Amino acid sequence: MYLLRLLVIWSTKMHLNTRSADSDELQCLNFPIISDHDCNNFYPGLITGSVFCAGYLEGGKGVCHGDSGGPVVCNGELQGIVSAGGRCAAKDQPGIFTKVCLFNSWITETINTYQN
């Protein structure tokens, strides 16, 4: 079963698999989550418990160069960070995203340490 998340990135290439210029405005896209098992077929050995894959396997929409570090938001909460992927919005090359929830303790500690 696929879940939809909201990806917020700068690239315009997430909409069309072209070499168009990046946007000055943030772009948003709802996209399907891909099972770890299926994603491991595309990226053998790279899919660990700290990441998840998402994107349109038919291509045409997805992350691109320059999107790394961008947020994945679901119900107003940060769920992931763009980490890696194949070519821009390419067929059978979904994006790989860090699972932010695994780092909540570290994030909270770091904020508390440096907020003043």
N, C-alpha and C. Protein backbone atom coordinates (compact mmCIF):
# COMPACT_ATOMS: atom_id res chain seq x y z
N MET A 1 0.83 -1.18 0.00
CA MET A 1 0.00 0.00 0.00
C MET A 1 0.88 1.24 0.00
N TYR A 2 0.55 2.19 -0.81
CA TYR A 2 1.30 3.44 -0.90
C TYR A 2 0.66 4.51 -0.02
N LEU A 3 1.49 5.28 0.62
CA LEU A 3 1.04 6.43 1.40
C LEU A 3 1.51 7.67 0.67
N LEU A 4 0.74 8.72 0.74
CA LEU A 4 1.16 9.96 0.11
C LEU A 4 1.78 10.89 1.13
N ARG A 5 2.86 11.50 0.75
CA ARG A 5 3.54 12.49 1.58
C ARG A 5 3.71 13.74 0.73
N LEU A 6 4.04 14.82 1.35
CA LEU A 6 4.28 16.06 0.65
C LEU A 6 5.78 16.32 0.64
N LEU A 7 6.31 16.45 -0.54
CA LEU A 7 7.72 16.76 -0.71
C LEU A 7 7.83 18.22 -1.10
N VAL A 8 8.69 18.96 -0.44
CA VAL A 8 8.85 20.38 -0.74
C VAL A 8 10.29 20.59 -1.18
N ILE A 9 10.47 20.96 -2.46
CA ILE A 9 11.82 21.10 -3.01
C ILE A 9 11.89 22.32 -3.93
N TRP A 10 13.09 22.69 -4.29
CA TRP A 10 13.31 23.84 -5.17
C TRP A 10 13.22 23.47 -6.64
N SER A 11 13.58 22.28 -6.97
CA SER A 11 13.71 21.90 -8.37
C SER A 11 12.38 21.93 -9.11
N THR A 12 12.40 22.41 -10.35
CA THR A 12 11.21 22.30 -11.21
C THR A 12 11.22 20.97 -11.92
N LYS A 13 12.34 20.26 -11.86
CA LYS A 13 12.47 18.99 -12.56
C LYS A 13 11.61 17.89 -11.93
N MET A 14 11.10 18.15 -10.74
CA MET A 14 10.22 17.15 -10.13
C MET A 14 8.93 17.02 -10.90
N HIS A 15 8.57 18.06 -11.65
CA HIS A 15 7.32 18.03 -12.40
C HIS A 15 7.49 17.45 -13.79
N LEU A 16 8.57 17.78 -14.43
CA LEU A 16 8.83 17.30 -15.78
C LEU A 16 10.25 16.78 -15.86
N ASN A 17 10.44 15.67 -16.48
CA ASN A 17 11.77 15.10 -16.60
C ASN A 17 12.51 15.83 -17.72
N THR A 18 12.83 17.09 -17.45
CA THR A 18 13.51 17.94 -18.43
C THR A 18 14.69 18.60 -17.76
N ARG A 19 15.41 19.36 -18.50
CA ARG A 19 16.55 20.08 -17.95
C ARG A 19 16.19 21.55 -17.74
N SER A 20 14.99 21.82 -17.32
CA SER A 20 14.57 23.19 -17.07
C SER A 20 15.31 23.75 -15.86
N ALA A 21 15.32 25.05 -15.77
CA ALA A 21 16.01 25.72 -14.66
C ALA A 21 15.27 25.48 -13.36
N ASP A 22 16.02 25.53 -12.26
CA ASP A 22 15.39 25.41 -10.96
C ASP A 22 14.54 26.64 -10.70
N SER A 23 13.58 26.48 -9.80
CA SER A 23 12.63 27.54 -9.49
C SER A 23 13.14 28.41 -8.36
N ASP A 24 12.67 29.65 -8.34
CA ASP A 24 12.93 30.54 -7.21
C ASP A 24 11.88 30.33 -6.12
N GLU A 25 10.87 29.53 -6.41
CA GLU A 25 9.80 29.26 -5.46
C GLU A 25 9.79 27.77 -5.12
N LEU A 26 9.47 27.47 -3.86
CA LEU A 26 9.38 26.07 -3.46
C LEU A 26 8.30 25.35 -4.25
N GLN A 27 8.56 24.10 -4.59
CA GLN A 27 7.62 23.26 -5.33
C GLN A 27 7.12 22.17 -4.39
N CYS A 28 5.88 21.75 -4.55
CA CYS A 28 5.31 20.71 -3.70
C CYS A 28 4.80 19.56 -4.55
N LEU A 29 4.89 18.36 -4.02
CA LEU A 29 4.47 17.17 -4.74
C LEU A 29 4.02 16.10 -3.75
N ASN A 30 2.85 15.55 -3.95
CA ASN A 30 2.44 14.36 -3.20
C ASN A 30 2.95 13.15 -3.97
N PHE A 31 3.53 12.19 -3.28
CA PHE A 31 4.14 11.07 -3.98
C PHE A 31 3.99 9.78 -3.18
N PRO A 32 4.10 8.63 -3.86
CA PRO A 32 3.92 7.34 -3.18
C PRO A 32 5.19 6.88 -2.46
N ILE A 33 4.97 6.26 -1.31
CA ILE A 33 6.05 5.61 -0.56
C ILE A 33 6.23 4.22 -1.16
N ILE A 34 7.47 3.80 -1.33
CA ILE A 34 7.78 2.50 -1.93
C ILE A 34 8.32 1.60 -0.82
N SER A 35 7.90 0.35 -0.81
CA SER A 35 8.34 -0.57 0.24
C SER A 35 9.86 -0.73 0.22
N ASP A 36 10.43 -1.00 1.39
CA ASP A 36 11.88 -1.23 1.48
C ASP A 36 12.29 -2.38 0.57
N HIS A 37 11.50 -3.43 0.53
CA HIS A 37 11.80 -4.59 -0.31
C HIS A 37 11.90 -4.19 -1.78
N ASP A 38 10.90 -3.46 -2.26
CA ASP A 38 10.92 -3.03 -3.67
C ASP A 38 12.05 -2.06 -3.94
N CYS A 39 12.28 -1.14 -3.01
CA CYS A 39 13.34 -0.15 -3.22
C CYS A 39 14.72 -0.79 -3.23
N ASN A 40 14.90 -1.83 -2.43
CA ASN A 40 16.18 -2.53 -2.42
C ASN A 40 16.49 -3.15 -3.78
N ASN A 41 15.46 -3.46 -4.55
CA ASN A 41 15.69 -3.97 -5.91
C ASN A 41 16.32 -2.90 -6.81
N PHE A 42 16.01 -1.63 -6.55
CA PHE A 42 16.56 -0.54 -7.35
C PHE A 42 17.93 -0.10 -6.83
N TYR A 43 18.12 -0.19 -5.52
CA TYR A 43 19.36 0.26 -4.89
C TYR A 43 19.87 -0.82 -3.93
N PRO A 44 20.38 -1.94 -4.44
CA PRO A 44 20.81 -3.05 -3.58
C PRO A 44 21.83 -2.60 -2.52
N GLY A 45 21.55 -2.94 -1.27
CA GLY A 45 22.46 -2.65 -0.18
C GLY A 45 22.38 -1.25 0.39
N LEU A 46 21.64 -0.35 -0.23
CA LEU A 46 21.57 1.03 0.26
C LEU A 46 20.38 1.29 1.17
N ILE A 47 19.40 0.41 1.14
CA ILE A 47 18.18 0.65 1.89
C ILE A 47 18.30 0.03 3.28
N THR A 48 18.48 0.89 4.27
CA THR A 48 18.64 0.45 5.65
C THR A 48 17.43 0.90 6.45
N GLY A 49 17.43 0.61 7.72
CA GLY A 49 16.32 1.01 8.58
C GLY A 49 16.21 2.51 8.80
N SER A 50 17.22 3.27 8.40
CA SER A 50 17.20 4.71 8.64
C SER A 50 16.73 5.53 7.44
N VAL A 51 16.31 4.84 6.37
CA VAL A 51 15.85 5.55 5.17
C VAL A 51 14.56 4.94 4.64
N PHE A 52 13.88 5.69 3.78
CA PHE A 52 12.74 5.16 3.04
C PHE A 52 12.81 5.68 1.61
N CYS A 53 12.12 5.02 0.72
CA CYS A 53 12.10 5.41 -0.69
C CYS A 53 10.72 5.92 -1.07
N ALA A 54 10.69 6.84 -2.00
CA ALA A 54 9.43 7.37 -2.49
C ALA A 54 9.64 7.94 -3.88
N GLY A 55 8.59 7.92 -4.65
CA GLY A 55 8.63 8.50 -5.99
C GLY A 55 7.74 7.74 -6.94
N TYR A 56 7.64 8.26 -8.13
CA TYR A 56 6.84 7.64 -9.19
C TYR A 56 7.75 6.76 -10.03
N LEU A 57 7.53 5.45 -9.98
CA LEU A 57 8.39 4.51 -10.69
C LEU A 57 8.32 4.69 -12.20
N GLU A 58 7.24 5.27 -12.70
CA GLU A 58 7.14 5.52 -14.14
C GLU A 58 7.98 6.73 -14.56
N GLY A 59 8.52 7.47 -13.58
CA GLY A 59 9.36 8.62 -13.88
C GLY A 59 8.53 9.87 -14.14
N GLY A 60 9.22 10.96 -14.42
CA GLY A 60 8.57 12.21 -14.73
C GLY A 60 8.36 13.13 -13.54
N LYS A 61 8.34 12.58 -12.33
CA LYS A 61 8.20 13.36 -11.11
C LYS A 61 9.11 12.75 -10.06
N GLY A 62 9.84 13.59 -9.35
CA GLY A 62 10.72 13.10 -8.31
C GLY A 62 11.77 14.12 -7.94
N VAL A 63 12.69 13.72 -7.11
CA VAL A 63 13.75 14.63 -6.68
C VAL A 63 14.81 14.75 -7.75
N CYS A 64 15.60 15.82 -7.64
CA CYS A 64 16.63 16.10 -8.62
C CYS A 64 17.84 16.69 -7.91
N HIS A 65 18.90 16.92 -8.66
CA HIS A 65 20.11 17.53 -8.11
C HIS A 65 19.75 18.86 -7.46
N GLY A 66 20.30 19.12 -6.32
CA GLY A 66 20.00 20.36 -5.62
C GLY A 66 18.88 20.24 -4.61
N ASP A 67 18.16 19.11 -4.61
CA ASP A 67 17.07 18.92 -3.67
C ASP A 67 17.53 18.30 -2.35
N SER A 68 18.76 17.80 -2.31
CA SER A 68 19.27 17.14 -1.10
C SER A 68 19.12 18.07 0.10
N GLY A 69 18.68 17.50 1.21
CA GLY A 69 18.47 18.28 2.42
C GLY A 69 17.07 18.86 2.53
N GLY A 70 16.28 18.74 1.47
CA GLY A 70 14.92 19.27 1.48
C GLY A 70 14.00 18.41 2.32
N PRO A 71 12.90 19.00 2.81
CA PRO A 71 12.00 18.30 3.72
C PRO A 71 10.93 17.45 3.04
N VAL A 72 10.51 16.41 3.75
CA VAL A 72 9.32 15.64 3.42
C VAL A 72 8.37 15.82 4.60
N VAL A 73 7.20 16.37 4.35
CA VAL A 73 6.26 16.72 5.40
C VAL A 73 4.99 15.90 5.25
N CYS A 74 4.47 15.40 6.36
CA CYS A 74 3.20 14.67 6.38
C CYS A 74 2.39 15.19 7.55
N ASN A 75 1.17 15.62 7.28
CA ASN A 75 0.30 16.18 8.33
C ASN A 75 1.00 17.28 9.12
N GLY A 76 1.76 18.11 8.44
CA GLY A 76 2.42 19.24 9.07
C GLY A 76 3.66 18.91 9.87
N GLU A 77 4.12 17.66 9.83
CA GLU A 77 5.31 17.27 10.58
C GLU A 77 6.41 16.80 9.64
N LEU A 78 7.64 17.17 9.97
CA LEU A 78 8.79 16.73 9.20
C LEU A 78 8.97 15.22 9.38
N GLN A 79 8.94 14.48 8.28
CA GLN A 79 9.09 13.03 8.33
C GLN A 79 10.38 12.54 7.70
N GLY A 80 10.90 13.30 6.74
CA GLY A 80 12.09 12.86 6.04
C GLY A 80 12.89 14.01 5.48
N ILE A 81 14.10 13.67 5.04
CA ILE A 81 14.99 14.63 4.40
C ILE A 81 15.52 13.97 3.14
N VAL A 82 15.50 14.72 2.04
CA VAL A 82 16.01 14.19 0.77
C VAL A 82 17.48 13.83 0.95
N SER A 83 17.82 12.56 0.67
CA SER A 83 19.19 12.08 0.84
C SER A 83 19.88 11.74 -0.46
N ALA A 84 19.21 10.97 -1.31
CA ALA A 84 19.86 10.46 -2.52
C ALA A 84 18.80 10.02 -3.52
N GLY A 85 19.27 9.48 -4.60
CA GLY A 85 18.39 8.95 -5.64
C GLY A 85 19.18 8.75 -6.92
N GLY A 86 18.51 8.37 -7.94
CA GLY A 86 19.16 8.17 -9.23
C GLY A 86 19.15 9.46 -10.03
N ARG A 87 18.95 9.33 -11.32
CA ARG A 87 18.86 10.51 -12.17
C ARG A 87 17.56 11.26 -11.88
N CYS A 88 17.49 12.50 -12.27
CA CYS A 88 16.34 13.36 -12.00
C CYS A 88 15.04 12.75 -12.49
N ALA A 89 14.15 12.45 -11.56
CA ALA A 89 12.79 11.99 -11.88
C ALA A 89 12.79 10.89 -12.94
N ALA A 90 13.77 10.00 -12.87
CA ALA A 90 13.92 8.94 -13.88
C ALA A 90 13.09 7.71 -13.53
N LYS A 91 12.74 6.96 -14.54
CA LYS A 91 11.99 5.71 -14.38
C LYS A 91 12.78 4.74 -13.50
N ASP A 92 12.09 4.09 -12.57
CA ASP A 92 12.67 3.09 -11.67
C ASP A 92 13.83 3.62 -10.84
N GLN A 93 13.83 4.92 -10.54
CA GLN A 93 14.87 5.51 -9.70
C GLN A 93 14.23 6.45 -8.67
N PRO A 94 13.54 5.86 -7.69
CA PRO A 94 12.88 6.69 -6.67
C PRO A 94 13.90 7.42 -5.80
N GLY A 95 13.43 8.42 -5.08
CA GLY A 95 14.28 9.14 -4.15
C GLY A 95 14.49 8.34 -2.88
N ILE A 96 15.61 8.59 -2.21
CA ILE A 96 15.92 7.98 -0.92
C ILE A 96 15.92 9.10 0.11
N PHE A 97 15.22 8.87 1.22
CA PHE A 97 15.01 9.90 2.22
C PHE A 97 15.39 9.39 3.61
N THR A 98 16.04 10.23 4.41
CA THR A 98 16.36 9.89 5.80
C THR A 98 15.10 9.96 6.65
N LYS A 99 14.91 8.96 7.52
CA LYS A 99 13.78 8.96 8.46
C LYS A 99 14.12 9.85 9.65
N VAL A 100 13.54 11.02 9.68
CA VAL A 100 13.86 12.00 10.72
C VAL A 100 13.51 11.50 12.12
N CYS A 101 12.44 10.73 12.26
CA CYS A 101 11.99 10.29 13.59
C CYS A 101 13.08 9.53 14.35
N LEU A 102 13.99 8.91 13.63
CA LEU A 102 15.07 8.16 14.29
C LEU A 102 16.10 9.08 14.94
N PHE A 103 16.04 10.36 14.60
CA PHE A 103 17.03 11.31 15.09
C PHE A 103 16.41 12.38 15.99
N ASN A 104 15.16 12.17 16.41
CA ASN A 104 14.46 13.17 17.23
C ASN A 104 15.21 13.51 18.51
N SER A 105 15.74 12.51 19.21
CA SER A 105 16.46 12.77 20.46
C SER A 105 17.68 13.64 20.21
N TRP A 106 18.44 13.32 19.19
CA TRP A 106 19.63 14.10 18.86
C TRP A 106 19.24 15.52 18.46
N ILE A 107 18.19 15.67 17.66
CA ILE A 107 17.73 16.99 17.23
C ILE A 107 17.33 17.83 18.45
N THR A 108 16.56 17.24 19.35
CA THR A 108 16.11 17.95 20.55
C THR A 108 17.29 18.35 21.42
N GLU A 109 18.23 17.43 21.64
CA GLU A 109 19.44 17.73 22.42
C GLU A 109 20.22 18.87 21.81
N THR A 110 20.40 18.82 20.51
CA THR A 110 21.18 19.85 19.81
C THR A 110 20.50 21.21 19.91
N ILE A 111 19.20 21.25 19.72
CA ILE A 111 18.45 22.51 19.84
C ILE A 111 18.58 23.05 21.25
N ASN A 112 18.39 22.19 22.25
CA ASN A 112 18.48 22.63 23.64
C ASN A 112 19.87 23.13 24.00
N THR A 113 20.89 22.51 23.44
CA THR A 113 22.27 22.90 23.72
C THR A 113 22.61 24.26 23.12
N TYR A 114 22.14 24.52 21.92
CA TYR A 114 22.57 25.71 21.19
C TYR A 114 21.51 26.79 21.03
N GLN A 115 20.35 26.66 21.66
CA GLN A 115 19.29 27.64 21.45
C GLN A 115 19.59 29.01 22.05
N ASN A 116 20.45 29.06 23.03
CA ASN A 116 20.77 30.35 23.64
C ASN A 116 21.96 30.91 22.97
